[in-house]
Amino acid sequence: MPNANPPVTPPPAYTHNTAHAAPAQAGTAHQAVGRKAKKGESTDILLRVVEIIKQNYLNEFVKQVKKHDSNFAGSKVVDRWRRETAEAIMKSIEQGEAPFENITVNVGLRNKNVAAINRVFQNHYHHKMKIVRPGSGIVISHEEANKIIASIRELRAPCTGQEFFKVQRADDIQQRVEHGENYQTVVKNMWDGLTKDERSQWDEDAKEVDLAGNQRRLETALSVLFRALATSGRVGPLEALVVYSYRDERQDVQTRNFSVGSSGQEFAAETIGETEFLKSYVKPFHDWVVEVLPLVQEGDLFLYDDQGFALFPDLDFADFKMKDIQTLVKEFFCTAVRYLGTKLKEDPQSFYNEQEFRLPVQLVDPQTLAAAKIVALPEFYKRDLVFVSVNVSKPFSLLAAAGPSSDYPPTSEPKNESPLAICSSRG
């Protein structure tokens, strides 16, 4: 009987299984495929995980990018959020927490899994968001830039119609100055060229300047200006941290701040955090401003005589801060003097001085006067002395409202070909 040949059985490693492998159930471990992964490719992250990330985390990621990296220049805040979120997702997968229930991955590939999760956000950032972003540099025209500058310049609250006129016509004035004309002469000639009705209209316009409205517009105007400068490229890369304060209508100090620049990042968020920023930067500045920023009186600071000329208030300055006294004196000058003639422009030291006008000190900017001198001026003006217009064709003199002062009699009117009208403005 012939011996039967033993069946030829290939080694187990080479056994060919013709049956189709059953599809992997959802939630089972993802096994490495029998091919070498491409460089940079993770083979241990389920597509299901990617879909869950897109459904539950991408919206928040987009918000973080828009808030901290709108110019797509990179952000430490966004990078930190992405790393921490990837770790949190991986931890949820390992612990079977929602929305990653019943999902497992090979333990030995944890770092690759975290990197793959991180890459979901990076791919969306580079291949979705940056493609549809606006241009990296916002180009603004010369006209638009001038509008921004003008909006800030117009925030000024002039005390007279002529001051308001100078602000509004600043470009025309500057153009003539650049052609060699004297600034004060240009202003005077332009103002003199107006009719009486036109001057009256400028006076009315000056009174309507809304200080509270200006304060509300200031933050927007400043941030727009710095953002335009930073994104236009006209001044190169720029970062600005602006902290400023003002007294509102109730005399309370309001402090505002903003951070803007070429990076599109926020200083506080990128560095020490909002709480520490307010504590270390904003609060010390606010407390300092409360001490140094003078109070601003509401309405008219002064009483007026029958002719409409300002009378200096009879106040006890013992409890006044020096800054407040300086402000009061400066406001009185601004109220009393409509505009200055050419003599002041040509020789201010000899025009405003104690010899010609019998003042106790030389009349200069009150902000530059020493304490003793600034106190002497209010006491002098409290003797019912006011600036008045004797005649539109003559320079002004100091006269007493109730008669000449024995200590400071009005001086004789010096000859001067330049007329100088002095009157008050209640605006």
Protein backbone atom coordinates (compact mmCIF):
# COMPACT_ATOMS: atom_id res chain seq x y z
CA MET A 1 0.00 0.00 0.00
CA PRO A 2 1.62 3.07 -1.05
CA ASN A 3 2.38 5.57 1.56
CA ALA A 4 0.19 8.67 1.41
CA ASN A 5 2.09 11.87 0.91
CA PRO A 6 1.67 14.27 3.82
CA PRO A 7 -0.25 17.42 2.92
CA VAL A 8 1.86 20.40 2.08
CA THR A 9 1.05 22.98 4.69
CA PRO A 10 2.73 26.35 4.48
CA PRO A 11 4.17 27.85 7.65
CA PRO A 12 1.63 29.65 9.77
CA ALA A 13 3.15 32.98 8.88
CA TYR A 14 2.34 32.42 5.25
CA THR A 15 -1.13 31.00 5.64
CA HIS A 16 -3.40 32.73 3.18
CA ASN A 17 -6.77 33.50 4.64
CA THR A 18 -9.28 33.97 1.87
CA ALA A 19 -12.03 35.11 4.20
CA HIS A 20 -12.60 38.84 4.25
CA ALA A 21 -11.73 40.44 7.52
CA ALA A 22 -14.73 41.73 9.44
CA PRO A 23 -14.89 45.51 9.58
CA ALA A 24 -13.62 47.01 12.79
CA GLN A 25 -16.37 47.97 15.19
CA ALA A 26 -16.66 51.56 16.21
CA GLY A 27 -14.66 52.17 19.30
CA THR A 28 -12.10 49.40 18.80
CA ALA A 29 -8.41 50.05 18.81
CA HIS A 30 -6.94 51.30 15.58
CA GLN A 31 -4.20 48.86 14.51
CA ALA A 32 -1.20 50.00 12.53
CA VAL A 33 -1.57 49.12 8.88
CA GLY A 34 0.96 46.99 7.12
CA ARG A 35 2.73 49.88 5.43
CA LYS A 36 5.33 52.36 6.40
CA ALA A 37 3.84 55.68 7.44
CA LYS A 38 4.76 58.65 5.37
CA LYS A 39 7.00 61.20 6.93
CA GLY A 40 5.05 63.38 9.34
CA GLU A 41 1.97 61.15 9.15
CA SER A 42 0.34 59.72 12.25
CA THR A 43 -1.22 56.30 11.81
CA ASP A 44 -2.75 56.08 15.26
CA ILE A 45 -5.58 58.63 15.24
CA LEU A 46 -9.06 57.58 14.25
CA LEU A 47 -10.99 59.59 11.70
CA ARG A 48 -13.87 59.46 14.14
CA VAL A 49 -11.79 61.42 16.64
CA VAL A 50 -11.03 64.03 14.00
CA GLU A 51 -14.73 64.46 13.25
CA ILE A 52 -15.57 64.84 16.95
CA ILE A 53 -12.87 67.49 17.31
CA LYS A 54 -14.21 69.41 14.33
CA GLN A 55 -17.76 69.27 15.67
CA ASN A 56 -16.98 70.20 19.28
CA TYR A 57 -13.75 72.23 19.35
CA LEU A 58 -13.13 74.04 16.07
CA ASN A 59 -15.60 76.85 16.71
CA GLU A 60 -13.84 77.78 19.93
CA PHE A 61 -10.47 77.55 18.19
CA VAL A 62 -11.68 79.97 15.50
CA LYS A 63 -12.81 82.41 18.22
CA GLN A 64 -9.39 82.24 19.86
CA VAL A 65 -7.66 82.97 16.56
CA LYS A 66 -9.94 85.90 15.73
CA LYS A 67 -9.43 87.37 19.19
CA HIS A 68 -5.69 86.90 19.60
CA ASP A 69 -4.28 86.35 16.10
CA SER A 70 -6.50 88.19 13.64
CA ASN A 71 -3.50 89.12 11.47
CA PHE A 72 -2.22 85.51 11.43
CA ALA A 73 1.16 86.59 12.72
CA GLY A 74 1.20 83.94 15.46
CA SER A 75 0.00 84.07 19.06
CA LYS A 76 1.29 82.52 22.25
CA VAL A 77 -2.24 82.54 23.62
CA VAL A 78 -3.56 80.50 20.68
CA ASP A 79 -0.57 78.15 20.81
CA ARG A 80 -1.11 77.56 24.52
CA TRP A 81 -4.85 76.98 24.02
CA ARG A 82 -4.15 74.47 21.25
CA ARG A 83 -1.59 72.50 23.31
CA GLU A 84 -3.76 72.42 26.42
CA THR A 85 -6.85 71.43 24.44
CA ALA A 86 -4.99 68.60 22.68
CA GLU A 87 -3.85 67.25 26.06
CA ALA A 88 -7.38 67.54 27.45
CA ILE A 89 -8.82 65.67 24.45
CA MET A 90 -6.24 62.92 24.82
CA LYS A 91 -7.05 62.60 28.51
CA SER A 92 -10.77 62.35 27.74
CA ILE A 93 -10.06 59.58 25.23
CA GLU A 94 -7.94 57.66 27.74
CA GLN A 95 -10.62 57.96 30.43
CA GLY A 96 -13.54 57.34 28.10
CA GLU A 97 -15.15 60.70 28.80
CA ALA A 98 -17.73 62.36 26.57
CA PRO A 99 -17.68 62.94 23.71
CA PHE A 100 -14.97 60.31 23.28
CA GLU A 101 -16.67 57.27 24.84
CA ASN A 102 -15.45 53.82 23.77
CA ILE A 103 -12.49 55.10 21.80
CA THR A 104 -9.09 53.58 22.47
CA VAL A 105 -5.70 54.02 20.93
CA ASN A 106 -2.40 52.25 21.33
CA VAL A 107 -0.84 53.31 24.59
CA GLY A 108 2.64 53.39 23.14
CA LEU A 109 1.70 56.07 20.63
CA ARG A 110 0.30 58.65 23.05
CA ASN A 111 2.68 61.44 22.03
CA LYS A 112 1.91 60.86 18.37
CA ASN A 113 -1.79 60.93 19.15
CA VAL A 114 -1.49 64.28 20.92
CA ALA A 115 0.51 65.65 18.00
CA ALA A 116 -2.13 64.39 15.56
CA ILE A 117 -4.91 66.05 17.58
CA ASN A 118 -2.89 69.28 17.64
CA ARG A 119 -2.46 69.02 13.91
CA VAL A 120 -6.24 69.07 13.38
CA PHE A 121 -6.24 72.66 14.65
CA GLN A 122 -3.07 73.61 12.77
CA ASN A 123 -4.44 72.30 9.48
CA HIS A 124 -7.64 74.28 9.93
CA TYR A 125 -5.57 77.39 10.76
CA HIS A 126 -3.24 77.14 7.74
CA HIS A 127 -5.50 75.57 5.10
CA LYS A 128 -8.90 77.04 5.95
CA MET A 129 -8.65 80.27 7.89
CA LYS A 130 -5.54 81.85 6.36
CA ILE A 131 -6.76 81.23 2.82
CA VAL A 132 -9.82 83.42 3.28
CA ARG A 133 -8.15 86.05 5.47
CA PRO A 134 -8.02 89.68 4.30
CA GLY A 135 -4.77 91.15 3.08
CA SER A 136 -2.04 91.20 5.68
CA GLY A 137 -1.57 94.94 5.25
CA ILE A 138 -4.44 97.40 5.22
CA VAL A 139 -3.53 100.14 2.79
CA ILE A 140 -5.18 103.45 3.58
CA SER A 141 -5.28 106.40 1.25
CA HIS A 142 -3.89 109.80 2.10
CA GLU A 143 -7.44 111.16 2.26
CA GLU A 144 -8.59 108.46 4.67
CA ALA A 145 -5.56 109.01 6.89
CA ASN A 146 -6.34 112.73 6.99
CA LYS A 147 -9.91 111.96 8.05
CA ILE A 148 -8.61 109.94 10.98
CA ILE A 149 -6.25 112.70 12.04
CA ALA A 150 -8.98 115.32 11.59
CA SER A 151 -11.44 113.35 13.72
CA ILE A 152 -9.00 113.50 16.61
CA ARG A 153 -8.03 117.11 16.04
CA GLU A 154 -11.68 118.12 16.09
CA LEU A 155 -12.05 116.69 19.59
CA ARG A 156 -10.48 119.84 20.95
CA ALA A 157 -12.93 122.11 22.79
CA PRO A 158 -11.93 125.69 21.84
CA CYS A 159 -12.88 128.46 24.24
CA THR A 160 -13.63 131.04 21.54
CA GLY A 161 -14.91 131.17 18.00
CA GLN A 162 -11.48 132.13 16.73
CA GLU A 163 -9.87 129.16 18.46
CA PHE A 164 -12.45 126.89 16.87
CA PHE A 165 -11.80 128.59 13.54
CA LYS A 166 -8.07 127.89 13.88
CA VAL A 167 -8.73 124.21 14.55
CA GLN A 168 -11.14 123.75 11.68
CA ARG A 169 -9.03 125.70 9.18
CA ALA A 170 -5.70 124.28 10.34
CA ASP A 171 -4.86 122.75 6.95
CA ASP A 172 -5.44 126.03 5.10
CA ILE A 173 -3.40 127.93 7.67
CA GLN A 174 -0.54 125.45 7.53
CA GLN A 175 -0.47 125.56 3.74
CA ARG A 176 0.06 129.31 3.79
CA VAL A 177 2.68 129.03 6.52
CA GLU A 178 4.59 126.51 4.41
CA HIS A 179 4.72 129.15 1.68
CA GLY A 180 6.59 131.50 4.00
CA GLU A 181 3.86 133.47 5.75
CA ASN A 182 3.89 134.04 9.50
CA TYR A 183 1.46 131.83 11.41
CA GLN A 184 -0.08 134.57 13.58
CA THR A 185 -0.36 136.91 10.60
CA VAL A 186 -2.16 134.25 8.59
CA VAL A 187 -4.62 133.57 11.40
CA LYS A 188 -5.29 137.27 11.95
CA ASN A 189 -5.78 138.03 8.26
CA MET A 190 -8.10 135.07 7.75
CA TRP A 191 -10.13 135.98 10.83
CA ASP A 192 -10.27 139.66 9.87
CA GLY A 193 -11.52 138.61 6.45
CA LEU A 194 -14.69 137.15 7.93
CA THR A 195 -17.89 139.13 8.15
CA LYS A 196 -19.49 139.93 11.48
CA ASP A 197 -22.13 137.28 10.91
CA GLU A 198 -19.50 134.68 10.05
CA ARG A 199 -17.58 135.42 13.24
CA SER A 200 -20.79 135.16 15.25
CA GLN A 201 -21.45 131.78 13.70
CA TRP A 202 -17.99 130.55 14.67
CA ASP A 203 -18.68 131.71 18.23
CA GLU A 204 -21.92 129.74 18.30
CA ASP A 205 -20.23 126.66 16.85
CA ALA A 206 -17.53 126.82 19.52
CA LYS A 207 -20.15 126.81 22.27
CA GLU A 208 -21.69 123.65 20.89
CA VAL A 209 -18.54 121.57 21.23
CA ASP A 210 -19.70 118.61 23.30
CA LEU A 211 -17.02 117.66 25.83
CA ALA A 212 -18.79 114.49 26.95
CA GLY A 213 -19.30 113.44 23.35
CA ASN A 214 -15.63 114.06 22.65
CA GLN A 215 -14.68 111.83 25.57
CA ARG A 216 -16.84 109.03 24.22
CA ARG A 217 -15.30 109.42 20.77
CA LEU A 218 -11.75 109.61 22.04
CA GLU A 219 -11.19 105.91 22.67
CA THR A 220 -12.51 104.96 19.26
CA ALA A 221 -10.57 107.70 17.50
CA LEU A 222 -7.29 106.80 19.19
CA SER A 223 -7.60 103.06 18.62
CA VAL A 224 -8.54 103.63 14.97
CA LEU A 225 -5.54 105.88 14.52
CA PHE A 226 -3.01 103.46 16.04
CA ARG A 227 -4.54 100.47 14.27
CA ALA A 228 -4.38 102.29 10.94
CA LEU A 229 -0.74 103.20 11.54
CA ALA A 230 0.14 99.64 12.56
CA THR A 231 -1.54 97.94 9.62
CA SER A 232 -0.70 100.44 6.91
CA GLY A 233 3.03 99.77 7.01
CA ARG A 234 3.70 103.50 6.65
CA VAL A 235 5.70 103.62 9.89
CA GLY A 236 6.97 100.05 9.92
CA PRO A 237 6.07 97.47 12.59
CA LEU A 238 4.35 99.17 15.50
CA GLU A 239 3.07 98.13 18.92
CA ALA A 240 1.22 100.59 21.16
CA LEU A 241 0.02 100.29 24.74
CA VAL A 242 -2.14 103.32 25.52
CA VAL A 243 -3.43 104.18 28.99
CA TYR A 244 -5.21 107.50 29.46
CA SER A 245 -7.59 109.15 31.92
CA TYR A 246 -10.07 112.01 31.94
CA ARG A 247 -12.66 113.53 34.24
CA ASP A 248 -16.21 112.87 33.12
CA GLU A 249 -19.24 115.11 33.55
CA ARG A 250 -19.51 114.06 37.21
CA GLN A 251 -15.83 114.91 37.78
CA ASP A 252 -14.99 111.23 38.29
CA VAL A 253 -11.69 110.06 36.79
CA GLN A 254 -12.23 107.50 34.05
CA THR A 255 -9.24 105.44 32.93
CA ARG A 256 -9.14 103.61 29.62
CA ASN A 257 -6.52 101.43 27.94
CA PHE A 258 -5.99 99.49 24.77
CA SER A 259 -3.22 97.51 23.13
CA VAL A 260 -2.89 97.46 19.38
CA GLY A 261 -0.14 96.81 16.89
CA SER A 262 1.28 94.99 13.92
CA SER A 263 1.23 91.59 15.63
CA GLY A 264 -2.50 91.68 16.28
CA GLN A 265 -1.82 90.39 19.78
CA GLU A 266 -2.87 91.84 23.13
CA PHE A 267 -0.15 92.79 25.58
CA ALA A 268 -1.97 91.72 28.75
CA ALA A 269 -3.19 88.41 27.36
CA GLU A 270 0.21 87.53 25.94
CA THR A 271 2.21 88.39 29.05
CA ILE A 272 0.98 88.84 32.61
CA GLY A 273 -2.77 88.45 32.21
CA GLU A 274 -5.58 90.98 32.50
CA THR A 275 -5.80 90.97 36.31
CA GLU A 276 -2.10 91.54 36.86
CA PHE A 277 -2.01 94.13 34.08
CA LEU A 278 -4.74 96.20 35.73
CA LYS A 279 -3.02 95.90 39.09
CA SER A 280 0.51 96.71 37.90
CA TYR A 281 -0.12 99.25 35.16
CA VAL A 282 -3.60 100.73 35.08
CA LYS A 283 -4.39 101.20 38.78
CA PRO A 284 -1.14 103.07 39.66
CA PHE A 285 -1.70 105.40 36.72
CA HIS A 286 -5.35 105.93 37.67
CA ASP A 287 -4.46 106.73 41.29
CA TRP A 288 -1.80 109.20 40.14
CA VAL A 289 -4.20 110.93 37.75
CA VAL A 290 -6.76 111.39 40.53
CA GLU A 291 -4.17 113.51 42.34
CA VAL A 292 -2.76 115.52 39.45
CA LEU A 293 -5.69 116.01 37.07
CA PRO A 294 -7.41 119.29 38.01
CA LEU A 295 -11.13 119.48 38.52
CA VAL A 296 -13.11 121.01 35.69
CA GLN A 297 -15.97 123.25 36.68
CA GLU A 298 -19.32 122.67 35.00
CA GLY A 299 -20.86 125.53 33.04
CA ASP A 300 -19.46 129.04 33.18
CA LEU A 301 -16.55 129.53 35.55
CA PHE A 302 -17.08 133.27 35.83
CA LEU A 303 -19.69 135.92 36.42
CA TYR A 304 -20.13 138.69 33.88
CA ASP A 305 -20.76 142.41 34.16
CA ASP A 306 -23.46 144.37 32.35
CA GLN A 307 -21.28 144.65 29.26
CA GLY A 308 -20.72 140.89 29.14
CA PHE A 309 -17.10 140.90 30.32
CA ALA A 310 -15.81 138.23 32.67
CA LEU A 311 -15.28 138.92 36.38
CA PHE A 312 -12.78 136.81 38.22
CA PRO A 313 -14.55 134.76 40.95
CA ASP A 314 -14.11 135.80 44.57
CA LEU A 315 -12.92 132.46 45.93
CA ASP A 316 -10.88 131.31 48.90
CA PHE A 317 -7.90 129.54 47.35
CA ALA A 318 -6.61 128.10 50.63
CA ASP A 319 -8.04 124.65 49.85
CA PHE A 320 -7.34 124.75 46.11
CA LYS A 321 -4.68 122.57 44.56
CA MET A 322 -2.08 124.50 42.58
CA LYS A 323 -3.15 122.74 39.37
CA ASP A 324 -6.72 123.92 39.92
CA ILE A 325 -5.63 127.53 40.44
CA GLN A 326 -3.49 127.41 37.30
CA THR A 327 -6.43 126.02 35.32
CA LEU A 328 -8.76 128.71 36.65
CA VAL A 329 -6.38 131.53 35.73
CA LYS A 330 -5.79 130.08 32.28
CA GLU A 331 -9.54 129.73 31.68
CA PHE A 332 -9.98 133.36 32.70
CA PHE A 333 -7.40 134.47 30.15
CA CYS A 334 -9.08 132.34 27.49
CA THR A 335 -12.50 133.75 28.33
CA ALA A 336 -11.37 137.35 28.51
CA VAL A 337 -9.20 137.52 25.43
CA ARG A 338 -10.89 137.11 22.05
CA TYR A 339 -7.74 137.34 20.02
CA LEU A 340 -4.32 138.89 20.22
CA GLY A 341 -2.94 141.56 17.94
CA THR A 342 0.34 141.64 16.11
CA LYS A 343 2.23 143.37 18.92
CA LEU A 344 1.96 140.30 21.12
CA LYS A 345 3.23 138.19 18.26
CA GLU A 346 6.18 140.50 17.62
CA ASP A 347 7.25 141.16 21.19
CA PRO A 348 5.30 139.18 23.81
CA GLN A 349 7.73 139.94 26.63
CA SER A 350 7.21 143.70 26.37
CA PHE A 351 3.51 143.55 25.47
CA TYR A 352 2.32 141.55 28.48
CA ASN A 353 4.32 142.82 31.41
CA GLU A 354 3.93 144.56 34.73
CA GLN A 355 5.24 147.91 33.43
CA GLU A 356 2.69 148.32 30.66
CA PHE A 357 -0.35 146.74 32.27
CA ARG A 358 0.45 146.98 35.97
CA LEU A 359 0.26 143.25 36.58
CA PRO A 360 1.86 141.81 39.72
CA VAL A 361 3.84 139.32 37.59
CA GLN A 362 4.75 138.98 33.96
CA LEU A 363 1.77 137.51 32.17
CA VAL A 364 2.90 134.19 30.71
CA ASP A 365 1.36 130.75 30.47
CA PRO A 366 -0.06 130.06 33.97
CA GLN A 367 1.13 126.46 33.75
CA THR A 368 4.72 127.73 33.89
CA LEU A 369 4.35 130.16 36.79
CA ALA A 370 5.75 129.42 40.22
CA ALA A 371 3.31 128.85 43.08
CA ALA A 372 3.69 132.30 44.66
CA LYS A 373 3.18 134.07 41.33
CA ILE A 374 0.17 132.04 40.30
CA VAL A 375 -1.54 132.82 43.62
CA ALA A 376 -0.76 136.53 43.21
CA LEU A 377 -2.68 136.72 39.92
CA PRO A 378 -6.06 135.50 41.27
CA GLU A 379 -5.78 137.85 44.25
CA PHE A 380 -5.04 140.69 41.84
CA TYR A 381 -8.00 139.87 39.58
CA LYS A 382 -10.35 139.53 42.55
CA ARG A 383 -10.16 143.33 42.95
CA ASP A 384 -12.88 143.57 40.28
CA LEU A 385 -10.36 144.13 37.51
CA VAL A 386 -11.43 142.88 34.11
CA PHE A 387 -10.18 142.92 30.57
CA VAL A 388 -12.37 145.24 28.50
CA SER A 389 -12.48 146.71 25.03
CA VAL A 390 -12.24 150.51 25.29
CA ASN A 391 -12.52 150.96 21.55
CA VAL A 392 -12.21 148.57 18.68
CA SER A 393 -9.58 150.84 17.16
CA LYS A 394 -7.42 150.98 20.29
CA PRO A 395 -5.47 148.38 22.26
CA PHE A 396 -6.98 147.19 25.52
CA SER A 397 -6.29 148.50 29.00
CA LEU A 398 -6.98 147.10 32.43
CA LEU A 399 -9.94 148.91 33.93
CA ALA A 400 -11.75 148.49 37.21
CA ALA A 401 -15.38 147.50 36.85
CA ALA A 402 -16.36 149.78 39.77
CA GLY A 403 -13.84 152.51 39.14
CA PRO A 404 -10.05 152.70 39.02
CA SER A 405 -8.09 150.76 41.60
CA SER A 406 -5.84 152.91 43.78
CA ASP A 407 -3.19 150.21 43.83
CA TYR A 408 -3.29 149.39 40.14
CA PRO A 409 -4.69 152.34 38.19
CA PRO A 410 -5.27 151.84 34.48
CA THR A 411 -2.32 152.92 32.44
CA SER A 412 -2.45 155.30 29.54
CA GLU A 413 -3.21 153.61 26.29
CA PRO A 414 -0.01 153.15 24.29
CA LYS A 415 -0.05 154.05 20.65
CA ASN A 416 -0.48 151.05 18.45
CA GLU A 417 -1.64 150.87 14.88
CA SER A 418 -2.99 147.35 15.32
CA PRO A 419 -6.55 147.20 16.66
CA LEU A 420 -7.20 144.67 19.40
CA ALA A 421 -10.73 143.80 20.44
CA ILE A 422 -10.99 142.12 23.80
CA CYS A 423 -14.22 140.57 24.99
CA SER A 424 -15.51 137.47 26.69
CA SER A 425 -17.07 134.28 25.45
CA ARG A 426 -19.56 132.40 27.57
CA GLY A 427 -18.90 129.12 25.75
